[in-house]
Amino acid sequence: TLWSLDLATPEEAARSYLARREEVLSEEARVVADPVAHLDRELGSYDWYAHMSDAPGVLAASDRHWDCIQEIRKKVTEADWERLFAKHRPA
């Protein structure tokens, strides 16, 4: 977990937090640098049912996310797109 109660001092907790933060940032940089991994992650987190919402904010966020996905799509092959789209779209 991010916060661990078994750390003896605030300094240890701070070091643990900073180390975990660095791991997360490194992983983020790795994913974003690899368009296929980035597309896989974004399709995996896309709300496929947002269009059913009555909330304008939900629809707007979904549209922005889809636009982001389409920008990433331009960086991958059509075969990768089709494979990842099939993997993540609802049945």
N, C-alpha and C. Protein backbone atom coordinates (compact mmCIF):
# COMPACT_ATOMS: atom_id res chain seq x y z
N THR A 1 0.83 -1.19 0.00
CA THR A 1 0.00 0.00 0.00
C THR A 1 0.87 1.24 0.00
N LEU A 2 0.25 2.36 -0.34
CA LEU A 2 0.99 3.61 -0.39
C LEU A 2 1.44 4.03 1.00
N TRP A 3 0.57 3.92 1.96
CA TRP A 3 0.90 4.30 3.34
C TRP A 3 1.02 3.04 4.16
N SER A 4 2.13 2.90 4.83
CA SER A 4 2.35 1.72 5.65
C SER A 4 2.48 2.14 7.10
N LEU A 5 1.69 1.53 7.97
CA LEU A 5 1.69 1.89 9.38
C LEU A 5 2.87 1.28 10.13
N ASP A 6 3.60 0.37 9.51
CA ASP A 6 4.70 -0.26 10.21
C ASP A 6 6.03 0.46 10.04
N LEU A 7 6.04 1.63 9.43
CA LEU A 7 7.26 2.42 9.30
C LEU A 7 7.48 3.17 10.61
N ALA A 8 8.71 3.15 11.09
CA ALA A 8 9.01 3.65 12.43
C ALA A 8 8.99 5.17 12.52
N THR A 9 9.40 5.85 11.49
CA THR A 9 9.52 7.31 11.60
C THR A 9 8.87 8.00 10.42
N PRO A 10 8.54 9.26 10.59
CA PRO A 10 8.01 10.03 9.44
C PRO A 10 9.01 10.09 8.28
N GLU A 11 10.30 10.11 8.59
CA GLU A 11 11.32 10.13 7.54
C GLU A 11 11.27 8.85 6.71
N GLU A 12 11.09 7.70 7.37
CA GLU A 12 10.98 6.43 6.64
C GLU A 12 9.73 6.42 5.77
N ALA A 13 8.65 6.95 6.31
CA ALA A 13 7.41 7.03 5.54
C ALA A 13 7.60 7.93 4.32
N ALA A 14 8.28 9.06 4.52
CA ALA A 14 8.53 9.98 3.41
C ALA A 14 9.41 9.33 2.35
N ARG A 15 10.46 8.64 2.77
CA ARG A 15 11.34 7.95 1.81
C ARG A 15 10.57 6.87 1.05
N SER A 16 9.73 6.14 1.76
CA SER A 16 8.93 5.10 1.12
C SER A 16 7.97 5.72 0.09
N TYR A 17 7.33 6.80 0.47
CA TYR A 17 6.41 7.49 -0.43
C TYR A 17 7.15 7.99 -1.68
N LEU A 18 8.30 8.63 -1.48
CA LEU A 18 9.05 9.16 -2.62
C LEU A 18 9.55 8.06 -3.54
N ALA A 19 9.96 6.93 -2.95
CA ALA A 19 10.41 5.80 -3.78
C ALA A 19 9.25 5.26 -4.61
N ARG A 20 8.08 5.13 -4.00
CA ARG A 20 6.91 4.62 -4.73
C ARG A 20 6.48 5.62 -5.81
N ARG A 21 6.54 6.90 -5.49
CA ARG A 21 6.21 7.94 -6.47
C ARG A 21 7.14 7.84 -7.68
N GLU A 22 8.41 7.63 -7.45
CA GLU A 22 9.37 7.50 -8.54
C GLU A 22 9.06 6.27 -9.40
N GLU A 23 8.67 5.17 -8.76
CA GLU A 23 8.29 3.96 -9.50
C GLU A 23 7.09 4.24 -10.41
N VAL A 24 6.10 4.93 -9.86
CA VAL A 24 4.88 5.23 -10.63
C VAL A 24 5.21 6.14 -11.81
N LEU A 25 6.00 7.18 -11.57
CA LEU A 25 6.37 8.09 -12.65
C LEU A 25 7.19 7.39 -13.73
N SER A 26 8.07 6.50 -13.32
CA SER A 26 8.87 5.74 -14.30
C SER A 26 7.99 4.84 -15.14
N GLU A 27 7.02 4.17 -14.50
CA GLU A 27 6.10 3.31 -15.23
C GLU A 27 5.25 4.12 -16.19
N GLU A 28 4.79 5.28 -15.75
CA GLU A 28 4.00 6.16 -16.62
C GLU A 28 4.81 6.57 -17.84
N ALA A 29 6.04 6.96 -17.64
CA ALA A 29 6.91 7.36 -18.76
C ALA A 29 7.13 6.21 -19.72
N ARG A 30 7.30 4.99 -19.18
CA ARG A 30 7.50 3.82 -20.03
C ARG A 30 6.26 3.55 -20.88
N VAL A 31 5.09 3.62 -20.28
CA VAL A 31 3.85 3.34 -21.01
C VAL A 31 3.61 4.39 -22.09
N VAL A 32 3.78 5.66 -21.74
CA VAL A 32 3.52 6.73 -22.70
C VAL A 32 4.52 6.67 -23.86
N ALA A 33 5.73 6.22 -23.58
CA ALA A 33 6.75 6.13 -24.64
C ALA A 33 6.46 4.99 -25.62
N ASP A 34 5.66 4.03 -25.21
CA ASP A 34 5.31 2.89 -26.07
C ASP A 34 3.86 3.05 -26.50
N PRO A 35 3.61 3.47 -27.74
CA PRO A 35 2.24 3.73 -28.17
C PRO A 35 1.30 2.54 -28.02
N VAL A 36 1.79 1.33 -28.24
CA VAL A 36 0.93 0.16 -28.10
C VAL A 36 0.52 -0.03 -26.64
N ALA A 37 1.46 0.07 -25.73
CA ALA A 37 1.14 -0.04 -24.30
C ALA A 37 0.23 1.09 -23.86
N HIS A 38 0.47 2.28 -24.37
CA HIS A 38 -0.35 3.44 -24.03
C HIS A 38 -1.78 3.24 -24.52
N LEU A 39 -1.92 2.79 -25.76
CA LEU A 39 -3.25 2.54 -26.31
C LEU A 39 -3.96 1.43 -25.54
N ASP A 40 -3.23 0.38 -25.19
CA ASP A 40 -3.80 -0.71 -24.42
C ASP A 40 -4.35 -0.20 -23.09
N ARG A 41 -3.59 0.64 -22.41
CA ARG A 41 -4.03 1.17 -21.13
C ARG A 41 -5.25 2.08 -21.30
N GLU A 42 -5.21 2.95 -22.30
CA GLU A 42 -6.32 3.89 -22.48
C GLU A 42 -7.61 3.18 -22.89
N LEU A 43 -7.51 2.20 -23.78
CA LEU A 43 -8.71 1.44 -24.14
C LEU A 43 -9.23 0.65 -22.95
N GLY A 44 -8.31 0.16 -22.12
CA GLY A 44 -8.72 -0.59 -20.93
C GLY A 44 -9.44 0.26 -19.89
N SER A 45 -9.16 1.55 -19.89
CA SER A 45 -9.80 2.42 -18.90
C SER A 45 -10.95 3.25 -19.50
N TYR A 46 -11.22 3.06 -20.78
CA TYR A 46 -12.28 3.82 -21.43
C TYR A 46 -13.65 3.37 -20.93
N ASP A 47 -14.54 4.33 -20.69
CA ASP A 47 -15.92 4.03 -20.25
C ASP A 47 -16.78 3.82 -21.49
N TRP A 48 -16.96 2.56 -21.85
CA TRP A 48 -17.68 2.22 -23.07
C TRP A 48 -19.17 2.55 -22.98
N TYR A 49 -19.67 2.81 -21.77
CA TYR A 49 -21.09 3.06 -21.60
C TYR A 49 -21.39 4.51 -21.22
N ALA A 50 -20.43 5.39 -21.34
CA ALA A 50 -20.63 6.80 -20.97
C ALA A 50 -21.74 7.45 -21.80
N HIS A 51 -21.92 7.00 -23.02
CA HIS A 51 -22.95 7.59 -23.89
C HIS A 51 -24.35 7.37 -23.34
N MET A 52 -24.49 6.46 -22.37
CA MET A 52 -25.79 6.19 -21.76
C MET A 52 -26.08 7.14 -20.60
N SER A 53 -25.11 7.94 -20.22
CA SER A 53 -25.26 8.85 -19.09
C SER A 53 -26.07 10.08 -19.47
N ASP A 54 -26.81 10.60 -18.49
CA ASP A 54 -27.53 11.85 -18.69
C ASP A 54 -26.68 13.05 -18.28
N ALA A 55 -25.53 12.80 -17.70
CA ALA A 55 -24.68 13.87 -17.19
C ALA A 55 -23.80 14.43 -18.31
N PRO A 56 -23.93 15.70 -18.62
CA PRO A 56 -23.12 16.29 -19.68
C PRO A 56 -21.62 16.17 -19.40
N GLY A 57 -21.23 16.26 -18.15
CA GLY A 57 -19.80 16.16 -17.80
C GLY A 57 -19.24 14.79 -18.12
N VAL A 58 -20.04 13.76 -17.91
CA VAL A 58 -19.60 12.40 -18.21
C VAL A 58 -19.42 12.24 -19.72
N LEU A 59 -20.35 12.76 -20.47
CA LEU A 59 -20.25 12.68 -21.93
C LEU A 59 -19.05 13.46 -22.45
N ALA A 60 -18.82 14.64 -21.89
CA ALA A 60 -17.69 15.45 -22.33
C ALA A 60 -16.37 14.77 -21.99
N ALA A 61 -16.27 14.20 -20.81
CA ALA A 61 -15.04 13.49 -20.42
C ALA A 61 -14.81 12.29 -21.32
N SER A 62 -15.89 11.58 -21.64
CA SER A 62 -15.77 10.43 -22.53
C SER A 62 -15.31 10.85 -23.92
N ASP A 63 -15.84 11.95 -24.41
CA ASP A 63 -15.42 12.46 -25.72
C ASP A 63 -13.94 12.84 -25.72
N ARG A 64 -13.50 13.50 -24.65
CA ARG A 64 -12.08 13.87 -24.56
C ARG A 64 -11.19 12.63 -24.50
N HIS A 65 -11.63 11.61 -23.76
CA HIS A 65 -10.85 10.38 -23.65
C HIS A 65 -10.78 9.70 -25.02
N TRP A 66 -11.90 9.65 -25.72
CA TRP A 66 -11.92 9.03 -27.05
C TRP A 66 -11.00 9.78 -28.01
N ASP A 67 -11.00 11.12 -27.92
CA ASP A 67 -10.09 11.91 -28.76
C ASP A 67 -8.64 11.57 -28.46
N CYS A 68 -8.32 11.39 -27.18
CA CYS A 68 -6.97 10.99 -26.78
C CYS A 68 -6.62 9.63 -27.37
N ILE A 69 -7.56 8.70 -27.30
CA ILE A 69 -7.36 7.36 -27.87
C ILE A 69 -7.10 7.46 -29.37
N GLN A 70 -7.85 8.31 -30.05
CA GLN A 70 -7.66 8.45 -31.50
C GLN A 70 -6.30 9.05 -31.85
N GLU A 71 -5.79 9.93 -31.01
CA GLU A 71 -4.44 10.48 -31.24
C GLU A 71 -3.38 9.39 -31.07
N ILE A 72 -3.55 8.55 -30.08
CA ILE A 72 -2.60 7.45 -29.88
C ILE A 72 -2.72 6.45 -31.02
N ARG A 73 -3.94 6.22 -31.48
CA ARG A 73 -4.18 5.29 -32.58
C ARG A 73 -3.33 5.62 -33.80
N LYS A 74 -3.11 6.90 -34.05
CA LYS A 74 -2.32 7.32 -35.21
C LYS A 74 -0.87 6.84 -35.14
N LYS A 75 -0.43 6.44 -33.95
CA LYS A 75 0.96 6.04 -33.75
C LYS A 75 1.17 4.53 -33.79
N VAL A 76 0.09 3.76 -33.97
CA VAL A 76 0.22 2.30 -33.99
C VAL A 76 -0.24 1.77 -35.34
N THR A 77 0.10 0.54 -35.60
CA THR A 77 -0.32 -0.09 -36.86
C THR A 77 -1.81 -0.42 -36.78
N GLU A 78 -2.40 -0.59 -37.94
CA GLU A 78 -3.81 -0.96 -37.99
C GLU A 78 -4.04 -2.32 -37.32
N ALA A 79 -3.09 -3.24 -37.48
CA ALA A 79 -3.22 -4.56 -36.84
C ALA A 79 -3.22 -4.43 -35.32
N ASP A 80 -2.34 -3.58 -34.78
CA ASP A 80 -2.32 -3.37 -33.33
C ASP A 80 -3.62 -2.74 -32.86
N TRP A 81 -4.11 -1.74 -33.62
CA TRP A 81 -5.38 -1.11 -33.26
C TRP A 81 -6.51 -2.14 -33.22
N GLU A 82 -6.62 -2.93 -34.27
CA GLU A 82 -7.71 -3.92 -34.33
C GLU A 82 -7.61 -4.94 -33.20
N ARG A 83 -6.40 -5.39 -32.91
CA ARG A 83 -6.21 -6.36 -31.83
C ARG A 83 -6.60 -5.77 -30.48
N LEU A 84 -6.16 -4.56 -30.20
CA LEU A 84 -6.44 -3.93 -28.91
C LEU A 84 -7.91 -3.53 -28.79
N PHE A 85 -8.48 -3.04 -29.89
CA PHE A 85 -9.89 -2.67 -29.86
C PHE A 85 -10.75 -3.91 -29.58
N ALA A 86 -10.43 -5.02 -30.25
CA ALA A 86 -11.17 -6.26 -30.02
C ALA A 86 -10.99 -6.75 -28.58
N LYS A 87 -9.81 -6.56 -28.04
CA LYS A 87 -9.53 -7.00 -26.67
C LYS A 87 -10.38 -6.23 -25.65
N HIS A 88 -10.60 -4.94 -25.88
CA HIS A 88 -11.22 -4.09 -24.86
C HIS A 88 -12.68 -3.74 -25.08
N ARG A 89 -13.15 -3.82 -26.31
CA ARG A 89 -14.54 -3.42 -26.53
C ARG A 89 -15.50 -4.39 -25.83
N PRO A 90 -16.64 -3.91 -25.41
CA PRO A 90 -17.60 -4.81 -24.76
C PRO A 90 -18.11 -5.86 -25.74
N ALA A 91 -18.43 -7.00 -25.21
CA ALA A 91 -18.93 -8.10 -26.04
C ALA A 91 -20.31 -7.85 -26.56
